[in-house]
């Protein structure tokens, strides 16, 4: 019985640390997404989409050191505020969370943003 439990634990551990591939059986990185090479398939990666108002509702303590590097897409800056972590959200676009900014309070920084609406 102990041998069976040991075998199950070893098998589970190897799966838990495996690389993940989408549309590939041989991933080349932690997450490897390969195109289907079909003209009828929409390709791309969609990050979480939020308005500045929705991000404001989350407050200033939800995102911290463990979320350093998180990426979101702000769809609309109407509503919400530019206080604290949202100080630099001035237009729609991609933002990355820098947990070490502002004395480790963290800030959302523009990766690729459009002019304010």
PDB file of N, CA and C in Angstrom:
ATOM      1  N   UNK A   1       0.826  -1.197   0.000  1.00  0.00           N
ATOM      2  CA  UNK A   1       0.000   0.000   0.000  1.00  0.00           C
ATOM      3  C   UNK A   1       0.867   1.258   0.000  1.00  0.00           C
ATOM      4  N   UNK A   2       1.948   1.233   0.792  1.00  0.00           N
ATOM      5  CA  UNK A   2       2.841   2.392   0.854  1.00  0.00           C
ATOM      6  C   UNK A   2       3.507   2.637  -0.491  1.00  0.00           C
ATOM      7  N   UNK A   3       3.831   1.553  -1.226  1.00  0.00           N
ATOM      8  CA  UNK A   3       4.449   1.702  -2.534  1.00  0.00           C
ATOM      9  C   UNK A   3       3.479   2.359  -3.515  1.00  0.00           C
ATOM     10  N   UNK A   4       2.216   1.992  -3.438  1.00  0.00           N
ATOM     11  CA  UNK A   4       1.205   2.568  -4.323  1.00  0.00           C
ATOM     12  C   UNK A   4       1.025   4.059  -4.036  1.00  0.00           C
ATOM     13  N   UNK A   5       0.965   4.436  -2.782  1.00  0.00           N
ATOM     14  CA  UNK A   5       0.815   5.850  -2.406  1.00  0.00           C
ATOM     15  C   UNK A   5       2.048   6.636  -2.849  1.00  0.00           C
ATOM     16  N   UNK A   6       3.243   6.064  -2.671  1.00  0.00           N
ATOM     17  CA  UNK A   6       4.475   6.729  -3.103  1.00  0.00           C
ATOM     18  C   UNK A   6       4.482   6.934  -4.609  1.00  0.00           C
ATOM     19  N   UNK A   7       4.063   5.932  -5.348  1.00  0.00           N
ATOM     20  CA  UNK A   7       4.005   6.033  -6.811  1.00  0.00           C
ATOM     21  C   UNK A   7       3.031   7.123  -7.244  1.00  0.00           C
ATOM     22  N   UNK A   8       1.892   7.206  -6.608  1.00  0.00           N
ATOM     23  CA  UNK A   8       0.900   8.244  -6.932  1.00  0.00           C
ATOM     24  C   UNK A   8       1.452   9.628  -6.621  1.00  0.00           C
ATOM     25  N   UNK A   9       2.114   9.792  -5.493  1.00  0.00           N
ATOM     26  CA  UNK A   9       2.689  11.091  -5.127  1.00  0.00           C
ATOM     27  C   UNK A   9       3.774  11.524  -6.100  1.00  0.00           C
ATOM     28  N   UNK A  10       4.640  10.611  -6.495  1.00  0.00           N
ATOM     29  CA  UNK A  10       5.703  10.940  -7.447  1.00  0.00           C
ATOM     30  C   UNK A  10       5.101  11.315  -8.801  1.00  0.00           C
ATOM     31  N   UNK A  11       4.112  10.578  -9.249  1.00  0.00           N
ATOM     32  CA  UNK A  11       3.456  10.876 -10.531  1.00  0.00           C
ATOM     33  C   UNK A  11       2.768  12.227 -10.498  1.00  0.00           C
ATOM     34  N   UNK A  12       2.095  12.528  -9.410  1.00  0.00           N
ATOM     35  CA  UNK A  12       1.398  13.809  -9.269  1.00  0.00           C
ATOM     36  C   UNK A  12       2.387  14.959  -9.238  1.00  0.00           C
ATOM     37  N   UNK A  13       3.501  14.797  -8.549  1.00  0.00           N
ATOM     38  CA  UNK A  13       4.501  15.869  -8.460  1.00  0.00           C
ATOM     39  C   UNK A  13       5.087  16.187  -9.822  1.00  0.00           C
ATOM     40  N   UNK A  14       5.338  15.176 -10.652  1.00  0.00           N
ATOM     41  CA  UNK A  14       5.914  15.442 -11.966  1.00  0.00           C
ATOM     42  C   UNK A  14       4.923  16.171 -12.863  1.00  0.00           C
ATOM     43  N   UNK A  15       3.644  15.902 -12.718  1.00  0.00           N
ATOM     44  CA  UNK A  15       2.624  16.597 -13.498  1.00  0.00           C
ATOM     45  C   UNK A  15       2.473  18.035 -13.011  1.00  0.00           C
ATOM     46  N   UNK A  16       2.555  18.270 -11.716  1.00  0.00           N
ATOM     47  CA  UNK A  16       2.365  19.598 -11.142  1.00  0.00           C
ATOM     48  C   UNK A  16       3.437  20.579 -11.600  1.00  0.00           C
ATOM     49  N   UNK A  17       4.642  20.108 -11.928  1.00  0.00           N
ATOM     50  CA  UNK A  17       5.731  20.984 -12.325  1.00  0.00           C
ATOM     51  C   UNK A  17       6.006  20.943 -13.830  1.00  0.00           C
ATOM     52  N   UNK A  18       5.084  20.390 -14.594  1.00  0.00           N
ATOM     53  CA  UNK A  18       5.278  20.265 -16.030  1.00  0.00           C
ATOM     54  C   UNK A  18       5.040  21.589 -16.736  1.00  0.00           C
ATOM     55  N   UNK A  19       5.584  21.694 -17.946  1.00  0.00           N
ATOM     56  CA  UNK A  19       5.302  22.844 -18.785  1.00  0.00           C
ATOM     57  C   UNK A  19       3.925  22.654 -19.402  1.00  0.00           C
ATOM     58  N   UNK A  20       3.270  23.764 -19.723  1.00  0.00           N
ATOM     59  CA  UNK A  20       1.925  23.714 -20.282  1.00  0.00           C
ATOM     60  C   UNK A  20       1.974  24.175 -21.724  1.00  0.00           C
ATOM     61  N   UNK A  21       1.358  23.410 -22.596  1.00  0.00           N
ATOM     62  CA  UNK A  21       1.288  23.784 -24.005  1.00  0.00           C
ATOM     63  C   UNK A  21      -0.150  23.823 -24.477  1.00  0.00           C
ATOM     64  N   UNK A  22      -0.471  24.847 -25.247  1.00  0.00           N
ATOM     65  CA  UNK A  22      -1.782  24.949 -25.876  1.00  0.00           C
ATOM     66  C   UNK A  22      -1.552  24.798 -27.368  1.00  0.00           C
ATOM     67  N   UNK A  23      -2.206  23.836 -27.968  1.00  0.00           N
ATOM     68  CA  UNK A  23      -2.049  23.487 -29.384  1.00  0.00           C
ATOM     69  C   UNK A  23      -0.657  22.924 -29.685  1.00  0.00           C
ATOM     70  N   UNK A  24       0.042  22.407 -28.689  1.00  0.00           N
ATOM     71  CA  UNK A  24       1.330  21.759 -28.886  1.00  0.00           C
ATOM     72  C   UNK A  24       1.511  20.664 -27.842  1.00  0.00           C
ATOM     73  N   UNK A  25       2.133  19.584 -28.253  1.00  0.00           N
ATOM     74  CA  UNK A  25       2.426  18.506 -27.309  1.00  0.00           C
ATOM     75  C   UNK A  25       3.834  18.645 -26.725  1.00  0.00           C
ATOM     76  N   UNK A  26       4.640  19.558 -27.278  1.00  0.00           N
ATOM     77  CA  UNK A  26       6.014  19.743 -26.824  1.00  0.00           C
ATOM     78  C   UNK A  26       6.260  21.210 -26.474  1.00  0.00           C
ATOM     79  N   UNK A  27       5.734  21.688 -25.324  1.00  0.00           N
ATOM     80  CA  UNK A  27       5.930  23.093 -24.961  1.00  0.00           C
ATOM     81  C   UNK A  27       7.406  23.420 -24.774  1.00  0.00           C
ATOM     82  N   UNK A  28       7.787  24.620 -25.211  1.00  0.00           N
ATOM     83  CA  UNK A  28       9.178  25.068 -25.146  1.00  0.00           C
ATOM     84  C   UNK A  28       9.415  26.079 -24.027  1.00  0.00           C
ATOM     85  N   UNK A  29       8.391  26.355 -23.215  1.00  0.00           N
ATOM     86  CA  UNK A  29       8.498  27.306 -22.112  1.00  0.00           C
ATOM     87  C   UNK A  29       7.447  26.944 -21.067  1.00  0.00           C
ATOM     88  N   UNK A  30       7.373  27.709 -19.987  1.00  0.00           N
ATOM     89  CA  UNK A  30       6.397  27.456 -18.934  1.00  0.00           C
ATOM     90  C   UNK A  30       4.989  27.423 -19.518  1.00  0.00           C
ATOM     91  N   UNK A  31       4.688  28.382 -20.393  1.00  0.00           N
ATOM     92  CA  UNK A  31       3.424  28.401 -21.119  1.00  0.00           C
ATOM     93  C   UNK A  31       3.747  28.651 -22.581  1.00  0.00           C
ATOM     94  N   UNK A  32       3.428  27.700 -23.430  1.00  0.00           N
ATOM     95  CA  UNK A  32       3.715  27.780 -24.861  1.00  0.00           C
ATOM     96  C   UNK A  32       2.407  27.671 -25.624  1.00  0.00           C
ATOM     97  N   UNK A  33       2.014  28.769 -26.262  1.00  0.00           N
ATOM     98  CA  UNK A  33       0.777  28.789 -27.037  1.00  0.00           C
ATOM     99  C   UNK A  33       1.146  28.811 -28.513  1.00  0.00           C
ATOM    100  N   UNK A  34       0.745  27.785 -29.235  1.00  0.00           N
ATOM    101  CA  UNK A  34       1.055  27.667 -30.651  1.00  0.00           C
ATOM    102  C   UNK A  34      -0.206  27.898 -31.475  1.00  0.00           C
ATOM    103  N   UNK A  35      -0.068  28.627 -32.567  1.00  0.00           N
ATOM    104  CA  UNK A  35      -1.206  28.907 -33.437  1.00  0.00           C
ATOM    105  C   UNK A  35      -1.723  27.640 -34.101  1.00  0.00           C
ATOM    106  N   UNK A  36      -2.997  27.652 -34.470  1.00  0.00           N
ATOM    107  CA  UNK A  36      -3.583  26.517 -35.184  1.00  0.00           C
ATOM    108  C   UNK A  36      -3.349  26.626 -36.693  1.00  0.00           C
ATOM    109  N   UNK A  37      -2.806  27.772 -37.131  1.00  0.00           N
ATOM    110  CA  UNK A  37      -2.498  28.013 -38.540  1.00  0.00           C
ATOM    111  C   UNK A  37      -3.713  27.838 -39.438  1.00  0.00           C
ATOM    112  N   UNK A  38      -4.820  28.333 -38.984  1.00  0.00           N
ATOM    113  CA  UNK A  38      -6.054  28.298 -39.758  1.00  0.00           C
ATOM    114  C   UNK A  38      -6.508  29.731 -39.994  1.00  0.00           C
ATOM    115  N   UNK A  39      -6.954  30.022 -41.206  1.00  0.00           N
ATOM    116  CA  UNK A  39      -7.425  31.372 -41.510  1.00  0.00           C
ATOM    117  C   UNK A  39      -8.764  31.665 -40.847  1.00  0.00           C
ATOM    118  N   UNK A  40      -9.427  30.654 -40.315  1.00  0.00           N
ATOM    119  CA  UNK A  40     -10.743  30.848 -39.705  1.00  0.00           C
ATOM    120  C   UNK A  40     -10.691  30.960 -38.188  1.00  0.00           C
ATOM    121  N   UNK A  41      -9.483  30.915 -37.615  1.00  0.00           N
ATOM    122  CA  UNK A  41      -9.327  30.968 -36.167  1.00  0.00           C
ATOM    123  C   UNK A  41      -8.760  32.328 -35.773  1.00  0.00           C
ATOM    124  N   UNK A  42      -9.398  32.978 -34.803  1.00  0.00           N
ATOM    125  CA  UNK A  42      -8.888  34.248 -34.280  1.00  0.00           C
ATOM    126  C   UNK A  42      -7.771  33.928 -33.303  1.00  0.00           C
ATOM    127  N   UNK A  43      -6.585  34.517 -33.521  1.00  0.00           N
ATOM    128  CA  UNK A  43      -5.426  34.268 -32.663  1.00  0.00           C
ATOM    129  C   UNK A  43      -5.203  35.468 -31.746  1.00  0.00           C
ATOM    130  N   UNK A  44      -4.604  35.242 -30.614  1.00  0.00           N
ATOM    131  CA  UNK A  44      -4.263  36.330 -29.705  1.00  0.00           C
ATOM    132  C   UNK A  44      -4.403  35.898 -28.264  1.00  0.00           C
ATOM    133  N   UNK A  45      -3.950  36.762 -27.398  1.00  0.00           N
ATOM    134  CA  UNK A  45      -4.013  36.535 -25.963  1.00  0.00           C
ATOM    135  C   UNK A  45      -4.711  37.738 -25.354  1.00  0.00           C
ATOM    136  N   UNK A  46      -5.788  37.523 -24.644  1.00  0.00           N
ATOM    137  CA  UNK A  46      -6.548  38.617 -24.043  1.00  0.00           C
ATOM    138  C   UNK A  46      -6.295  38.679 -22.539  1.00  0.00           C
ATOM    139  N   UNK A  47      -5.686  39.776 -22.080  1.00  0.00           N
ATOM    140  CA  UNK A  47      -5.515  39.943 -20.636  1.00  0.00           C
ATOM    141  C   UNK A  47      -6.848  40.350 -20.002  1.00  0.00           C
ATOM    142  N   UNK A  48      -6.954  40.301 -18.692  1.00  0.00           N
ATOM    143  CA  UNK A  48      -8.184  40.759 -18.041  1.00  0.00           C
ATOM    144  C   UNK A  48      -8.489  42.205 -18.436  1.00  0.00           C
ATOM    145  N   UNK A  49      -9.736  42.480 -18.764  1.00  0.00           N
ATOM    146  CA  UNK A  49     -10.160  43.823 -19.184  1.00  0.00           C
ATOM    147  C   UNK A  49     -11.017  44.446 -18.091  1.00  0.00           C
ATOM    148  N   UNK A  50     -10.624  45.660 -17.674  1.00  0.00           N
ATOM    149  CA  UNK A  50     -11.312  46.386 -16.608  1.00  0.00           C
ATOM    150  C   UNK A  50     -11.450  47.846 -16.998  1.00  0.00           C
ATOM    151  N   UNK A  51     -12.440  48.512 -16.432  1.00  0.00           N
ATOM    152  CA  UNK A  51     -12.491  49.968 -16.528  1.00  0.00           C
ATOM    153  C   UNK A  51     -11.726  50.522 -15.328  1.00  0.00           C
ATOM    154  N   UNK A  52     -11.348  51.792 -15.389  1.00  0.00           N
ATOM    155  CA  UNK A  52     -10.673  52.385 -14.228  1.00  0.00           C
ATOM    156  C   UNK A  52     -11.609  52.373 -13.021  1.00  0.00           C
ATOM    157  N   UNK A  53     -12.907  52.543 -13.255  1.00  0.00           N
ATOM    158  CA  UNK A  53     -13.869  52.495 -12.145  1.00  0.00           C
ATOM    159  C   UNK A  53     -13.857  51.111 -11.482  1.00  0.00           C
ATOM    160  N   UNK A  54     -13.802  50.053 -12.281  1.00  0.00           N
ATOM    161  CA  UNK A  54     -13.764  48.698 -11.711  1.00  0.00           C
ATOM    162  C   UNK A  54     -12.469  48.469 -10.925  1.00  0.00           C
ATOM    163  N   UNK A  55     -11.354  48.977 -11.447  1.00  0.00           N
ATOM    164  CA  UNK A  55     -10.085  48.843 -10.734  1.00  0.00           C
ATOM    165  C   UNK A  55     -10.107  49.655  -9.440  1.00  0.00           C
ATOM    166  N   UNK A  56     -10.732  50.838  -9.463  1.00  0.00           N
ATOM    167  CA  UNK A  56     -10.854  51.667  -8.260  1.00  0.00           C
ATOM    168  C   UNK A  56     -11.633  50.925  -7.174  1.00  0.00           C
ATOM    169  N   UNK A  57     -12.688  50.203  -7.571  1.00  0.00           N
ATOM    170  CA  UNK A  57     -13.505  49.445  -6.609  1.00  0.00           C
ATOM    171  C   UNK A  57     -12.685  48.386  -5.875  1.00  0.00           C
ATOM    172  N   UNK A  58     -11.612  47.918  -6.481  1.00  0.00           N
ATOM    173  CA  UNK A  58     -10.778  46.894  -5.853  1.00  0.00           C
ATOM    174  C   UNK A  58      -9.915  47.461  -4.716  1.00  0.00           C
ATOM    175  N   UNK A  59      -9.822  48.790  -4.633  1.00  0.00           N
ATOM    176  CA  UNK A  59      -9.072  49.418  -3.548  1.00  0.00           C
ATOM    177  C   UNK A  59      -7.583  49.481  -3.823  1.00  0.00           C
ATOM    178  N   UNK A  60      -6.819  49.793  -2.769  1.00  0.00           N
ATOM    179  CA  UNK A  60      -5.378  49.989  -2.900  1.00  0.00           C
ATOM    180  C   UNK A  60      -4.556  48.928  -2.192  1.00  0.00           C
ATOM    181  N   UNK A  61      -5.176  47.863  -1.718  1.00  0.00           N
ATOM    182  CA  UNK A  61      -4.411  46.841  -1.005  1.00  0.00           C
ATOM    183  C   UNK A  61      -4.539  45.450  -1.629  1.00  0.00           C
ATOM    184  N   UNK A  62      -5.426  45.294  -2.610  1.00  0.00           N
ATOM    185  CA  UNK A  62      -5.614  43.978  -3.227  1.00  0.00           C
ATOM    186  C   UNK A  62      -4.370  43.543  -3.993  1.00  0.00           C
ATOM    187  N   UNK A  63      -3.770  44.467  -4.742  1.00  0.00           N
ATOM    188  CA  UNK A  63      -2.559  44.165  -5.499  1.00  0.00           C
ATOM    189  C   UNK A  63      -1.348  44.521  -4.639  1.00  0.00           C
ATOM    190  N   UNK A  64      -0.437  43.568  -4.521  1.00  0.00           N
ATOM    191  CA  UNK A  64       0.759  43.783  -3.709  1.00  0.00           C
ATOM    192  C   UNK A  64       1.958  43.087  -4.315  1.00  0.00           C
ATOM    193  N   UNK A  65       2.917  42.737  -3.481  1.00  0.00           N
ATOM    194  CA  UNK A  65       4.176  42.143  -3.947  1.00  0.00           C
ATOM    195  C   UNK A  65       3.960  40.867  -4.753  1.00  0.00           C
ATOM    196  N   UNK A  66       2.983  40.071  -4.386  1.00  0.00           N
ATOM    197  CA  UNK A  66       2.742  38.812  -5.097  1.00  0.00           C
ATOM    198  C   UNK A  66       2.150  39.033  -6.488  1.00  0.00           C
ATOM    199  N   UNK A  67       1.633  40.223  -6.757  1.00  0.00           N
ATOM    200  CA  UNK A  67       1.057  40.526  -8.075  1.00  0.00           C
ATOM    201  C   UNK A  67       2.027  41.331  -8.942  1.00  0.00           C
ATOM    202  N   UNK A  68       3.269  41.480  -8.494  1.00  0.00           N
ATOM    203  CA  UNK A  68       4.270  42.216  -9.260  1.00  0.00           C
ATOM    204  C   UNK A  68       4.362  41.620 -10.664  1.00  0.00           C
ATOM    205  N   UNK A  69       4.153  42.451 -11.677  1.00  0.00           N
ATOM    206  CA  UNK A  69       4.200  41.996 -13.063  1.00  0.00           C
ATOM    207  C   UNK A  69       2.845  41.645 -13.645  1.00  0.00           C
ATOM    208  N   UNK A  70       1.775  41.740 -12.864  1.00  0.00           N
ATOM    209  CA  UNK A  70       0.443  41.455 -13.385  1.00  0.00           C
ATOM    210  C   UNK A  70       0.115  42.443 -14.513  1.00  0.00           C
ATOM    211  N   UNK A  71      -0.572  41.961 -15.530  1.00  0.00           N
ATOM    212  CA  UNK A  71      -0.934  42.797 -16.675  1.00  0.00           C
ATOM    213  C   UNK A  71      -2.448  42.832 -16.810  1.00  0.00           C
ATOM    214  N   UNK A  72      -2.984  44.031 -17.037  1.00  0.00           N
ATOM    215  CA  UNK A  72      -4.419  44.213 -17.286  1.00  0.00           C
ATOM    216  C   UNK A  72      -4.593  45.152 -18.479  1.00  0.00           C
ATOM    217  N   UNK A  73      -5.787  45.198 -19.009  1.00  0.00           N
ATOM    218  CA  UNK A  73      -6.119  46.134 -20.075  1.00  0.00           C
ATOM    219  C   UNK A  73      -7.241  47.034 -19.564  1.00  0.00           C
ATOM    220  N   UNK A  74      -6.971  48.333 -19.490  1.00  0.00           N
ATOM    221  CA  UNK A  74      -7.998  49.300 -19.078  1.00  0.00           C
ATOM    222  C   UNK A  74      -8.786  49.690 -20.329  1.00  0.00           C
ATOM    223  N   UNK A  75     -10.084  49.462 -20.299  1.00  0.00           N
ATOM    224  CA  UNK A  75     -10.926  49.721 -21.470  1.00  0.00           C
ATOM    225  C   UNK A  75     -11.523  51.122 -21.485  1.00  0.00           C
ATOM    226  N   UNK A  76     -11.625  51.742 -20.301  1.00  0.00           N
ATOM    227  CA  UNK A  76     -12.304  53.033 -20.217  1.00  0.00           C
ATOM    228  C   UNK A  76     -11.841  53.727 -18.936  1.00  0.00           C
ATOM    229  N   UNK A  77     -11.541  55.022 -19.033  1.00  0.00           N
ATOM    230  CA  UNK A  77     -11.082  55.740 -17.837  1.00  0.00           C
ATOM    231  C   UNK A  77     -12.160  56.631 -17.238  1.00  0.00           C
ATOM    232  N   UNK A  78     -13.372  56.568 -17.774  1.00  0.00           N
ATOM    233  CA  UNK A  78     -14.475  57.334 -17.199  1.00  0.00           C
ATOM    234  C   UNK A  78     -14.836  56.685 -15.867  1.00  0.00           C
ATOM    235  N   UNK A  79     -14.897  57.466 -14.820  1.00  0.00           N
ATOM    236  CA  UNK A  79     -15.205  56.927 -13.496  1.00  0.00           C
ATOM    237  C   UNK A  79     -13.934  56.504 -12.790  1.00  0.00           C
ATOM    238  N   UNK A  80     -14.083  56.139 -11.561  1.00  0.00           N
ATOM    239  CA  UNK A  80     -12.932  55.779 -10.762  1.00  0.00           C
ATOM    240  C   UNK A  80     -12.092  57.006 -10.440  1.00  0.00           C
ATOM    241  N   UNK A  81     -10.888  56.781  -9.931  1.00  0.00           N
ATOM    242  CA  UNK A  81     -10.022  57.902  -9.601  1.00  0.00           C
ATOM    243  C   UNK A  81      -8.578  57.597  -9.981  1.00  0.00           C
ATOM    244  N   UNK A  82      -7.726  58.613  -9.889  1.00  0.00           N
ATOM    245  CA  UNK A  82      -6.295  58.479 -10.185  1.00  0.00           C
ATOM    246  C   UNK A  82      -5.487  58.523  -8.899  1.00  0.00           C
ATOM    247  N   UNK A  83      -6.031  57.995  -7.830  1.00  0.00           N
ATOM    248  CA  UNK A  83      -5.365  58.013  -6.531  1.00  0.00           C
ATOM    249  C   UNK A  83      -4.501  56.763  -6.372  1.00  0.00           C
ATOM    250  N   UNK A  84      -3.461  56.902  -5.592  1.00  0.00           N
ATOM    251  CA  UNK A  84      -2.619  55.799  -5.149  1.00  0.00           C
ATOM    252  C   UNK A  84      -2.135  54.938  -6.316  1.00  0.00           C
ATOM    253  N   UNK A  85      -2.469  53.653  -6.337  1.00  0.00           N
ATOM    254  CA  UNK A  85      -1.971  52.723  -7.345  1.00  0.00           C
ATOM    255  C   UNK A  85      -2.409  53.088  -8.763  1.00  0.00           C
ATOM    256  N   UNK A  86      -3.458  53.856  -8.908  1.00  0.00           N
ATOM    257  CA  UNK A  86      -3.995  54.206 -10.229  1.00  0.00           C
ATOM    258  C   UNK A  86      -3.510  55.570 -10.720  1.00  0.00           C
ATOM    259  N   UNK A  87      -2.514  56.127 -10.067  1.00  0.00           N
ATOM    260  CA  UNK A  87      -2.037  57.477 -10.368  1.00  0.00           C
ATOM    261  C   UNK A  87      -1.702  57.687 -11.845  1.00  0.00           C
ATOM    262  N   UNK A  88      -1.147  56.681 -12.499  1.00  0.00           N
ATOM    263  CA  UNK A  88      -0.693  56.843 -13.883  1.00  0.00           C
ATOM    264  C   UNK A  88      -1.649  56.264 -14.919  1.00  0.00           C
ATOM    265  N   UNK A  89      -2.846  55.913 -14.531  1.00  0.00           N
ATOM    266  CA  UNK A  89      -3.830  55.429 -15.504  1.00  0.00           C
ATOM    267  C   UNK A  89      -4.541  56.638 -16.093  1.00  0.00           C
ATOM    268  N   UNK A  90      -4.096  57.026 -17.285  1.00  0.00           N
ATOM    269  CA  UNK A  90      -4.610  58.234 -17.929  1.00  0.00           C
ATOM    270  C   UNK A  90      -5.301  57.965 -19.256  1.00  0.00           C
ATOM    271  N   UNK A  91      -5.263  56.744 -19.735  1.00  0.00           N
ATOM    272  CA  UNK A  91      -5.911  56.400 -20.993  1.00  0.00           C
ATOM    273  C   UNK A  91      -6.093  54.902 -21.078  1.00  0.00           C
ATOM    274  N   UNK A  92      -6.838  54.454 -22.066  1.00  0.00           N
ATOM    275  CA  UNK A  92      -7.025  53.017 -22.203  1.00  0.00           C
ATOM    276  C   UNK A  92      -5.746  52.381 -22.719  1.00  0.00           C
ATOM    277  N   UNK A  93      -5.546  51.128 -22.378  1.00  0.00           N
ATOM    278  CA  UNK A  93      -4.359  50.421 -22.832  1.00  0.00           C
ATOM    279  C   UNK A  93      -3.895  49.352 -21.864  1.00  0.00           C
ATOM    280  N   UNK A  94      -2.714  48.803 -22.147  1.00  0.00           N
ATOM    281  CA  UNK A  94      -2.115  47.758 -21.321  1.00  0.00           C
ATOM    282  C   UNK A  94      -1.328  48.372 -20.178  1.00  0.00           C
ATOM    283  N   UNK A  95      -1.525  47.849 -18.982  1.00  0.00           N
ATOM    284  CA  UNK A  95      -0.812  48.318 -17.796  1.00  0.00           C
ATOM    285  C   UNK A  95      -0.203  47.131 -17.072  1.00  0.00           C
ATOM    286  N   UNK A  96       0.976  47.360 -16.480  1.00  0.00           N
ATOM    287  CA  UNK A  96       1.650  46.337 -15.692  1.00  0.00           C
ATOM    288  C   UNK A  96       1.776  46.852 -14.258  1.00  0.00           C
ATOM    289  N   UNK A  97       1.631  45.957 -13.291  1.00  0.00           N
ATOM    290  CA  UNK A  97       1.715  46.358 -11.891  1.00  0.00           C
ATOM    291  C   UNK A  97       3.157  46.274 -11.426  1.00  0.00           C
ATOM    292  N   UNK A  98       3.693  47.396 -10.937  1.00  0.00           N
ATOM    293  CA  UNK A  98       5.041  47.468 -10.377  1.00  0.00           C
ATOM    294  C   UNK A  98       4.901  47.567  -8.861  1.00  0.00           C
ATOM    295  N   UNK A  99       5.069  46.442  -8.186  1.00  0.00           N
ATOM    296  CA  UNK A  99       4.840  46.375  -6.740  1.00  0.00           C
ATOM    297  C   UNK A  99       5.853  47.178  -5.936  1.00  0.00           C
ATOM    298  N   UNK A 100       7.020  47.461  -6.500  1.00  0.00           N
ATOM    299  CA  UNK A 100       8.054  48.175  -5.750  1.00  0.00           C
ATOM    300  C   UNK A 100       7.952  49.690  -5.896  1.00  0.00           C
ATOM    301  N   UNK A 101       7.115  50.178  -6.782  1.00  0.00           N
ATOM    302  CA  UNK A 101       6.978  51.625  -6.989  1.00  0.00           C
ATOM    303  C   UNK A 101       6.331  52.275  -5.773  1.00  0.00           C
ATOM    304  N   UNK A 102       6.586  53.552  -5.609  1.00  0.00           N
ATOM    305  CA  UNK A 102       5.976  54.366  -4.541  1.00  0.00           C
ATOM    306  C   UNK A 102       6.180  53.743  -3.164  1.00  0.00           C
ATOM    307  N   UNK A 103       7.455  53.495  -2.820  1.00  0.00           N
ATOM    308  CA  UNK A 103       7.777  52.931  -1.496  1.00  0.00           C
ATOM    309  C   UNK A 103       7.059  51.621  -1.221  1.00  0.00           C
ATOM    310  N   UNK A 104       7.039  50.760  -2.216  1.00  0.00           N
ATOM    311  CA  UNK A 104       6.427  49.427  -2.147  1.00  0.00           C
ATOM    312  C   UNK A 104       4.905  49.461  -1.989  1.00  0.00           C
ATOM    313  N   UNK A 105       4.284  50.593  -2.280  1.00  0.00           N
ATOM    314  CA  UNK A 105       2.816  50.644  -2.310  1.00  0.00           C
ATOM    315  C   UNK A 105       2.316  50.074  -3.629  1.00  0.00           C
ATOM    316  N   UNK A 106       3.106  50.224  -4.674  1.00  0.00           N
ATOM    317  CA  UNK A 106       2.768  49.696  -5.989  1.00  0.00           C
ATOM    318  C   UNK A 106       2.024  50.701  -6.850  1.00  0.00           C
ATOM    319  N   UNK A 107       2.252  50.617  -8.153  1.00  0.00           N
ATOM    320  CA  UNK A 107       1.589  51.481  -9.132  1.00  0.00           C
ATOM    321  C   UNK A 107       1.330  50.690 -10.407  1.00  0.00           C
ATOM    322  N   UNK A 108       0.257  51.020 -11.083  1.00  0.00           N
ATOM    323  CA  UNK A 108      -0.016  50.508 -12.421  1.00  0.00           C
ATOM    324  C   UNK A 108       0.712  51.409 -13.400  1.00  0.00           C
ATOM    325  N   UNK A 109       1.587  50.816 -14.205  1.00  0.00           N
ATOM    326  CA  UNK A 109       2.402  51.573 -15.151  1.00  0.00           C
ATOM    327  C   UNK A 109       2.001  51.191 -16.577  1.00  0.00           C
ATOM    328  N   UNK A 110       2.018  52.176 -17.465  1.00  0.00           N
ATOM    329  CA  UNK A 110       1.623  51.968 -18.859  1.00  0.00           C
ATOM    330  C   UNK A 110       2.631  51.118 -19.608  1.00  0.00           C
ATOM    331  N   UNK A 111       2.146  50.061 -20.252  1.00  0.00           N
ATOM    332  CA  UNK A 111       2.970  49.286 -21.178  1.00  0.00           C
ATOM    333  C   UNK A 111       2.765  49.810 -22.602  1.00  0.00           C
ATOM    334  N   UNK A 112       1.505  49.960 -22.977  1.00  0.00           N
ATOM    335  CA  UNK A 112       1.124  50.503 -24.274  1.00  0.00           C
ATOM    336  C   UNK A 112      -0.233  51.142 -24.082  1.00  0.00           C
ATOM    337  N   UNK A 113      -0.267  52.454 -24.106  1.00  0.00           N
ATOM    338  CA  UNK A 113      -1.497  53.158 -23.786  1.00  0.00           C
ATOM    339  C   UNK A 113      -1.841  54.167 -24.873  1.00  0.00           C
ATOM    340  N   UNK A 114      -3.106  54.457 -24.976  1.00  0.00           N
ATOM    341  CA  UNK A 114      -3.618  55.438 -25.919  1.00  0.00           C
ATOM    342  C   UNK A 114      -3.757  56.783 -25.225  1.00  0.00           C
ATOM    343  N   UNK A 115      -3.861  57.833 -26.011  1.00  0.00           N
ATOM    344  CA  UNK A 115      -4.068  59.171 -25.436  1.00  0.00           C
ATOM    345  C   UNK A 115      -5.358  59.182 -24.629  1.00  0.00           C
ATOM    346  N   UNK A 116      -5.415  60.005 -23.599  1.00  0.00           N
ATOM    347  CA  UNK A 116      -6.648  60.107 -22.794  1.00  0.00           C
ATOM    348  C   UNK A 116      -7.854  60.388 -23.673  1.00  0.00           C
ATOM    349  N   UNK A 117      -8.958  59.792 -23.295  1.00  0.00           N
ATOM    350  CA  UNK A 117     -10.206  59.975 -24.054  1.00  0.00           C
ATOM    351  C   UNK A 117     -10.866  61.292 -23.711  1.00  0.00           C
TER     352      UNK A 117
END
